[in-house]
Amino acid sequence: MIRHSQTMPPDYFENRYADDPDPWQFTTSTYEAAKYAATLDALPKPRFASALEIGCSIGVFTKALAPRCDALIGLDTAEKALEQARARCEPLPHVRFERLHVPGQWPAGGFDLILISEVLYFLDADDMSHLAKRIPEALDPGGILVLVHWTGLTHYPQTGDEASDMLIGLLDGAIRIAHHSRTDRYRLDVLTRIT
């Protein structure tokens, strides 16, 4: 399998959604449903004041996470995905969406929860270093960072394991690992911002 060497560009995602409104089967996959449930169960607090979901796609997990948040921002690089996310979460006034290409673009504000699911392996090492600088600036002391990634082979710059391990290593000294678990298909890391 030939792997990309650089961060996947925005048009890669726009093209995926142009060809299929749900290219990763977020609405129908039993894998996704089980992973969403495990992610919610792993959250160490019942509620968060201000949450950021990086790579919200069509908003399926966003809608599931919303009842646990006073305010929630979902980010994605694909406008076609965000159109669906906005429609799905339209009845939820505390949820909003922004089209940003992380890590070069970043939302304003501070957060007590940052969730990054199925995103890190799209980034090359330079962008991962940039992301590792963004997170401590945006995550409140004592805040939670959740990483959830598929662990199979990819044609992206990294695998889920490589990307998660790299980010955790880059954040050494700013976070501590509160929880780590894995299934035969994905890993889930819950990290706490050191105060």
C-alpha atoms as a PDB file:
ATOM      1  CA  MET A   1       0.000   0.000   0.000  1.00  0.00           C
ATOM      2  CA  ILE A   2       1.438   3.373  -1.015  1.00  0.00           C
ATOM      3  CA  ARG A   3       1.055   5.940   1.749  1.00  0.00           C
ATOM      4  CA  HIS A   4       0.731   9.674   1.333  1.00  0.00           C
ATOM      5  CA  SER A   5       3.692  11.553   2.748  1.00  0.00           C
ATOM      6  CA  GLN A   6       1.984  14.890   3.403  1.00  0.00           C
ATOM      7  CA  THR A   7      -1.161  15.995   5.240  1.00  0.00           C
ATOM      8  CA  MET A   8      -4.291  15.226   3.264  1.00  0.00           C
ATOM      9  CA  PRO A   9      -5.494  18.455   1.552  1.00  0.00           C
ATOM     10  CA  PRO A  10      -9.009  19.905   2.003  1.00  0.00           C
ATOM     11  CA  ASP A  11     -10.091  18.896  -1.500  1.00  0.00           C
ATOM     12  CA  TYR A  12      -9.511  15.224  -0.632  1.00  0.00           C
ATOM     13  CA  PHE A  13     -12.353  15.448   1.878  1.00  0.00           C
ATOM     14  CA  GLU A  14     -14.588  17.607  -0.321  1.00  0.00           C
ATOM     15  CA  ASN A  15     -14.247  15.013  -3.069  1.00  0.00           C
ATOM     16  CA  ARG A  16     -15.093  12.147  -0.709  1.00  0.00           C
ATOM     17  CA  TYR A  17     -18.348  13.837   0.312  1.00  0.00           C
ATOM     18  CA  ALA A  18     -19.147  14.843  -3.279  1.00  0.00           C
ATOM     19  CA  ASP A  19     -19.052  11.167  -4.238  1.00  0.00           C
ATOM     20  CA  ASP A  20     -20.924   9.882  -1.152  1.00  0.00           C
ATOM     21  CA  PRO A  21     -22.763  11.907   1.539  1.00  0.00           C
ATOM     22  CA  ASP A  22     -21.597   9.409   4.191  1.00  0.00           C
ATOM     23  CA  PRO A  23     -18.275   8.045   2.860  1.00  0.00           C
ATOM     24  CA  TRP A  24     -17.231   6.445   6.166  1.00  0.00           C
ATOM     25  CA  GLN A  25     -20.732   5.079   6.993  1.00  0.00           C
ATOM     26  CA  PHE A  26     -21.068   7.083  10.210  1.00  0.00           C
ATOM     27  CA  THR A  27     -24.856   6.663  10.173  1.00  0.00           C
ATOM     28  CA  THR A  28     -24.948   2.903   9.474  1.00  0.00           C
ATOM     29  CA  SER A  29     -21.722   1.300  10.749  1.00  0.00           C
ATOM     30  CA  THR A  30     -21.910  -0.927  13.833  1.00  0.00           C
ATOM     31  CA  TYR A  31     -18.194  -0.179  14.321  1.00  0.00           C
ATOM     32  CA  GLU A  32     -18.920   3.542  14.536  1.00  0.00           C
ATOM     33  CA  ALA A  33     -21.914   3.058  16.855  1.00  0.00           C
ATOM     34  CA  ALA A  34     -19.893   0.902  19.272  1.00  0.00           C
ATOM     35  CA  LYS A  35     -16.970   3.324  19.161  1.00  0.00           C
ATOM     36  CA  TYR A  36     -19.250   6.296  19.866  1.00  0.00           C
ATOM     37  CA  ALA A  37     -20.762   4.526  22.878  1.00  0.00           C
ATOM     38  CA  ALA A  38     -17.306   3.590  24.224  1.00  0.00           C
ATOM     39  CA  THR A  39     -16.082   7.160  23.755  1.00  0.00           C
ATOM     40  CA  LEU A  40     -19.004   8.615  25.686  1.00  0.00           C
ATOM     41  CA  ASP A  41     -18.530   6.013  28.435  1.00  0.00           C
ATOM     42  CA  ALA A  42     -14.822   6.906  28.723  1.00  0.00           C
ATOM     43  CA  LEU A  43     -15.456  10.601  29.383  1.00  0.00           C
ATOM     44  CA  PRO A  44     -14.417  11.169  33.015  1.00  0.00           C
ATOM     45  CA  LYS A  45     -16.988  13.883  33.753  1.00  0.00           C
ATOM     46  CA  PRO A  46     -20.757  13.897  33.220  1.00  0.00           C
ATOM     47  CA  ARG A  47     -20.733  17.375  31.677  1.00  0.00           C
ATOM     48  CA  PHE A  48     -18.396  19.881  30.023  1.00  0.00           C
ATOM     49  CA  ALA A  49     -18.665  23.657  29.816  1.00  0.00           C
ATOM     50  CA  SER A  50     -17.047  24.107  26.421  1.00  0.00           C
ATOM     51  CA  ALA A  51     -16.162  21.267  24.052  1.00  0.00           C
ATOM     52  CA  LEU A  52     -14.356  21.157  20.720  1.00  0.00           C
ATOM     53  CA  GLU A  53     -14.769  18.266  18.287  1.00  0.00           C
ATOM     54  CA  ILE A  54     -12.088  18.252  15.594  1.00  0.00           C
ATOM     55  CA  GLY A  55     -13.233  16.403  12.484  1.00  0.00           C
ATOM     56  CA  CYS A  56     -16.964  16.337  13.234  1.00  0.00           C
ATOM     57  CA  SER A  57     -17.869  15.207   9.694  1.00  0.00           C
ATOM     58  CA  ILE A  58     -21.649  14.930   9.275  1.00  0.00           C
ATOM     59  CA  GLY A  59     -22.359  15.448  12.975  1.00  0.00           C
ATOM     60  CA  VAL A  60     -23.440  11.966  14.076  1.00  0.00           C
ATOM     61  CA  PHE A  61     -21.167  11.878  17.121  1.00  0.00           C
ATOM     62  CA  THR A  62     -21.653  15.618  17.656  1.00  0.00           C
ATOM     63  CA  LYS A  63     -25.356  15.029  18.232  1.00  0.00           C
ATOM     64  CA  ALA A  64     -24.586  12.210  20.705  1.00  0.00           C
ATOM     65  CA  LEU A  65     -22.048  14.338  22.596  1.00  0.00           C
ATOM     66  CA  ALA A  66     -24.206  17.491  22.707  1.00  0.00           C
ATOM     67  CA  PRO A  67     -26.279  16.544  25.802  1.00  0.00           C
ATOM     68  CA  ARG A  68     -23.036  16.395  27.816  1.00  0.00           C
ATOM     69  CA  CYS A  69     -21.923  19.943  26.868  1.00  0.00           C
ATOM     70  CA  ASP A  70     -23.023  23.479  27.686  1.00  0.00           C
ATOM     71  CA  ALA A  71     -21.381  24.625  24.441  1.00  0.00           C
ATOM     72  CA  LEU A  72     -19.952  22.513  21.612  1.00  0.00           C
ATOM     73  CA  ILE A  73     -18.074  23.503  18.462  1.00  0.00           C
ATOM     74  CA  GLY A  74     -17.662  20.995  15.650  1.00  0.00           C
ATOM     75  CA  LEU A  75     -14.905  21.564  13.092  1.00  0.00           C
ATOM     76  CA  ASP A  76     -14.472  20.055   9.681  1.00  0.00           C
ATOM     77  CA  THR A  77     -12.660  20.948   6.497  1.00  0.00           C
ATOM     78  CA  ALA A  78     -15.450  19.783   4.137  1.00  0.00           C
ATOM     79  CA  GLU A  79     -18.413  22.102   3.618  1.00  0.00           C
ATOM     80  CA  LYS A  80     -20.582  19.254   2.303  1.00  0.00           C
ATOM     81  CA  ALA A  81     -20.064  17.408   5.587  1.00  0.00           C
ATOM     82  CA  LEU A  82     -20.828  20.519   7.620  1.00  0.00           C
ATOM     83  CA  GLU A  83     -24.098  21.097   5.762  1.00  0.00           C
ATOM     84  CA  GLN A  84     -25.294  17.706   7.009  1.00  0.00           C
ATOM     85  CA  ALA A  85     -23.923  18.329  10.507  1.00  0.00           C
ATOM     86  CA  ARG A  86     -25.765  21.654  10.770  1.00  0.00           C
ATOM     87  CA  ALA A  87     -29.010  20.040   9.637  1.00  0.00           C
ATOM     88  CA  ARG A  88     -28.595  17.104  12.041  1.00  0.00           C
ATOM     89  CA  CYS A  89     -27.924  19.378  15.037  1.00  0.00           C
ATOM     90  CA  GLU A  90     -30.232  22.246  14.015  1.00  0.00           C
ATOM     91  CA  PRO A  91     -32.494  21.808  17.091  1.00  0.00           C
ATOM     92  CA  LEU A  92     -29.465  22.218  19.391  1.00  0.00           C
ATOM     93  CA  PRO A  93     -28.743  25.943  19.846  1.00  0.00           C
ATOM     94  CA  HIS A  94     -25.636  25.339  21.970  1.00  0.00           C
ATOM     95  CA  VAL A  95     -23.942  23.488  19.097  1.00  0.00           C
ATOM     96  CA  ARG A  96     -22.225  25.350  16.287  1.00  0.00           C
ATOM     97  CA  PHE A  97     -19.940  24.428  13.426  1.00  0.00           C
ATOM     98  CA  GLU A  98     -16.959  26.033  11.750  1.00  0.00           C
ATOM     99  CA  ARG A  99     -15.172  25.151   8.543  1.00  0.00           C
ATOM    100  CA  LEU A 100     -11.485  25.122   9.488  1.00  0.00           C
ATOM    101  CA  HIS A 101      -8.502  23.094   8.313  1.00  0.00           C
ATOM    102  CA  VAL A 102      -6.683  22.140  11.521  1.00  0.00           C
ATOM    103  CA  PRO A 103      -3.959  22.741  12.616  1.00  0.00           C
ATOM    104  CA  GLY A 104      -3.262  25.728  10.358  1.00  0.00           C
ATOM    105  CA  GLN A 105      -6.649  27.165  11.265  1.00  0.00           C
ATOM    106  CA  TRP A 106      -8.007  27.058  14.811  1.00  0.00           C
ATOM    107  CA  PRO A 107     -11.108  28.356  16.632  1.00  0.00           C
ATOM    108  CA  ALA A 108     -10.978  31.066  19.271  1.00  0.00           C
ATOM    109  CA  GLY A 109     -11.546  30.306  22.917  1.00  0.00           C
ATOM    110  CA  GLY A 110     -10.650  27.777  25.568  1.00  0.00           C
ATOM    111  CA  PHE A 111     -12.121  24.310  26.081  1.00  0.00           C
ATOM    112  CA  ASP A 112     -12.425  21.792  28.888  1.00  0.00           C
ATOM    113  CA  LEU A 113     -12.888  18.968  26.349  1.00  0.00           C
ATOM    114  CA  ILE A 114     -11.153  18.496  22.998  1.00  0.00           C
ATOM    115  CA  LEU A 115     -12.106  15.381  21.056  1.00  0.00           C
ATOM    116  CA  ILE A 116     -10.112  14.188  18.043  1.00  0.00           C
ATOM    117  CA  SER A 117     -11.573  11.074  16.433  1.00  0.00           C
ATOM    118  CA  GLU A 118     -10.334   9.480  13.200  1.00  0.00           C
ATOM    119  CA  VAL A 119      -8.318  12.585  12.263  1.00  0.00           C
ATOM    120  CA  LEU A 120      -4.694  12.345  13.400  1.00  0.00           C
ATOM    121  CA  TYR A 121      -3.552   9.861  10.751  1.00  0.00           C
ATOM    122  CA  PHE A 122      -4.410  12.415   8.042  1.00  0.00           C
ATOM    123  CA  LEU A 123      -1.595  14.666   9.367  1.00  0.00           C
ATOM    124  CA  ASP A 124       2.102  14.545   8.570  1.00  0.00           C
ATOM    125  CA  ALA A 125       4.784  15.041  11.230  1.00  0.00           C
ATOM    126  CA  ASP A 126       5.050  18.815  10.698  1.00  0.00           C
ATOM    127  CA  ASP A 127       1.311  19.355  11.133  1.00  0.00           C
ATOM    128  CA  MET A 128       1.300  17.034  14.141  1.00  0.00           C
ATOM    129  CA  SER A 129       3.941  19.261  15.765  1.00  0.00           C
ATOM    130  CA  HIS A 130       1.800  22.308  14.984  1.00  0.00           C
ATOM    131  CA  LEU A 131      -1.248  20.599  16.503  1.00  0.00           C
ATOM    132  CA  ALA A 132       0.754  19.726  19.627  1.00  0.00           C
ATOM    133  CA  LYS A 133       1.398  23.443  20.145  1.00  0.00           C
ATOM    134  CA  ARG A 134      -2.253  24.372  19.603  1.00  0.00           C
ATOM    135  CA  ILE A 135      -3.732  21.923  22.108  1.00  0.00           C
ATOM    136  CA  PRO A 136      -2.092  23.162  25.351  1.00  0.00           C
ATOM    137  CA  GLU A 137      -2.965  26.745  24.417  1.00  0.00           C
ATOM    138  CA  ALA A 138      -6.650  25.845  23.939  1.00  0.00           C
ATOM    139  CA  LEU A 139      -7.216  23.145  26.584  1.00  0.00           C
ATOM    140  CA  ASP A 140      -8.063  24.432  30.056  1.00  0.00           C
ATOM    141  CA  PRO A 141      -5.950  23.242  33.006  1.00  0.00           C
ATOM    142  CA  GLY A 142      -7.500  19.965  34.091  1.00  0.00           C
ATOM    143  CA  GLY A 143      -9.265  19.722  30.712  1.00  0.00           C
ATOM    144  CA  ILE A 144      -9.703  16.458  28.848  1.00  0.00           C
ATOM    145  CA  LEU A 145      -8.250  15.483  25.461  1.00  0.00           C
ATOM    146  CA  VAL A 146      -9.768  12.380  23.866  1.00  0.00           C
ATOM    147  CA  LEU A 147      -8.145  10.577  20.932  1.00  0.00           C
ATOM    148  CA  VAL A 148     -10.012   7.769  19.149  1.00  0.00           C
ATOM    149  CA  HIS A 149      -8.475   6.156  16.082  1.00  0.00           C
ATOM    150  CA  TRP A 150      -8.775   3.084  13.909  1.00  0.00           C
ATOM    151  CA  THR A 151      -5.644   0.949  14.193  1.00  0.00           C
ATOM    152  CA  GLY A 152      -5.618  -0.800  10.811  1.00  0.00           C
ATOM    153  CA  LEU A 153      -3.381   0.016   7.865  1.00  0.00           C
ATOM    154  CA  THR A 154      -4.000   3.302   6.064  1.00  0.00           C
ATOM    155  CA  HIS A 155      -2.736   5.007   2.933  1.00  0.00           C
ATOM    156  CA  TYR A 156      -2.552   8.260   4.920  1.00  0.00           C
ATOM    157  CA  PRO A 157       0.679   9.718   6.335  1.00  0.00           C
ATOM    158  CA  GLN A 158       0.361   7.683   9.551  1.00  0.00           C
ATOM    159  CA  THR A 159      -1.530   4.815  11.129  1.00  0.00           C
ATOM    160  CA  GLY A 160      -3.819   5.440  14.072  1.00  0.00           C
ATOM    161  CA  ASP A 161      -1.235   4.016  16.469  1.00  0.00           C
ATOM    162  CA  GLU A 162       1.648   6.009  14.998  1.00  0.00           C
ATOM    163  CA  ALA A 163      -0.327   9.253  15.051  1.00  0.00           C
ATOM    164  CA  SER A 164      -1.725   8.813  18.566  1.00  0.00           C
ATOM    165  CA  ASP A 165       1.663   7.825  19.982  1.00  0.00           C
ATOM    166  CA  MET A 166       3.321  10.767  18.227  1.00  0.00           C
ATOM    167  CA  LEU A 167       0.871  13.323  19.598  1.00  0.00           C
ATOM    168  CA  ILE A 168       1.027  11.883  23.113  1.00  0.00           C
ATOM    169  CA  GLY A 169       4.831  12.045  22.931  1.00  0.00           C
ATOM    170  CA  LEU A 170       4.798  15.635  21.686  1.00  0.00           C
ATOM    171  CA  LEU A 171       2.458  16.611  24.534  1.00  0.00           C
ATOM    172  CA  ASP A 172       4.649  14.993  27.177  1.00  0.00           C
ATOM    173  CA  GLY A 173       4.849  17.318  30.157  1.00  0.00           C
ATOM    174  CA  ALA A 174       1.548  19.028  29.312  1.00  0.00           C
ATOM    175  CA  ILE A 175      -0.760  16.032  29.698  1.00  0.00           C
ATOM    176  CA  ARG A 176      -1.019  12.804  31.593  1.00  0.00           C
ATOM    177  CA  ILE A 177      -2.687   9.633  30.387  1.00  0.00           C
ATOM    178  CA  ALA A 178      -5.878   9.029  32.363  1.00  0.00           C
ATOM    179  CA  HIS A 179      -7.198   6.077  30.346  1.00  0.00           C
ATOM    180  CA  HIS A 180      -6.065   3.900  27.451  1.00  0.00           C
ATOM    181  CA  SER A 181      -7.987   1.053  25.910  1.00  0.00           C
ATOM    182  CA  ARG A 182      -8.066  -0.737  22.606  1.00  0.00           C
ATOM    183  CA  THR A 183     -10.223  -3.193  20.723  1.00  0.00           C
ATOM    184  CA  ASP A 184      -9.198  -5.250  17.717  1.00  0.00           C
ATOM    185  CA  ARG A 185     -10.083  -2.234  15.513  1.00  0.00           C
ATOM    186  CA  TYR A 186      -9.489   1.023  17.380  1.00  0.00           C
ATOM    187  CA  ARG A 187      -7.721   2.636  20.328  1.00  0.00           C
ATOM    188  CA  LEU A 188      -9.098   5.193  22.763  1.00  0.00           C
ATOM    189  CA  ASP A 189      -6.879   7.521  24.774  1.00  0.00           C
ATOM    190  CA  VAL A 190      -8.152   9.920  27.431  1.00  0.00           C
ATOM    191  CA  LEU A 191      -5.592  12.530  28.458  1.00  0.00           C
ATOM    192  CA  THR A 192      -5.760  15.199  31.150  1.00  0.00           C
ATOM    193  CA  ARG A 193      -4.147  18.627  30.860  1.00  0.00           C
ATOM    194  CA  ILE A 194      -1.707  19.076  33.718  1.00  0.00           C
ATOM    195  CA  THR A 195      -2.601  22.114  35.823  1.00  0.00           C
END
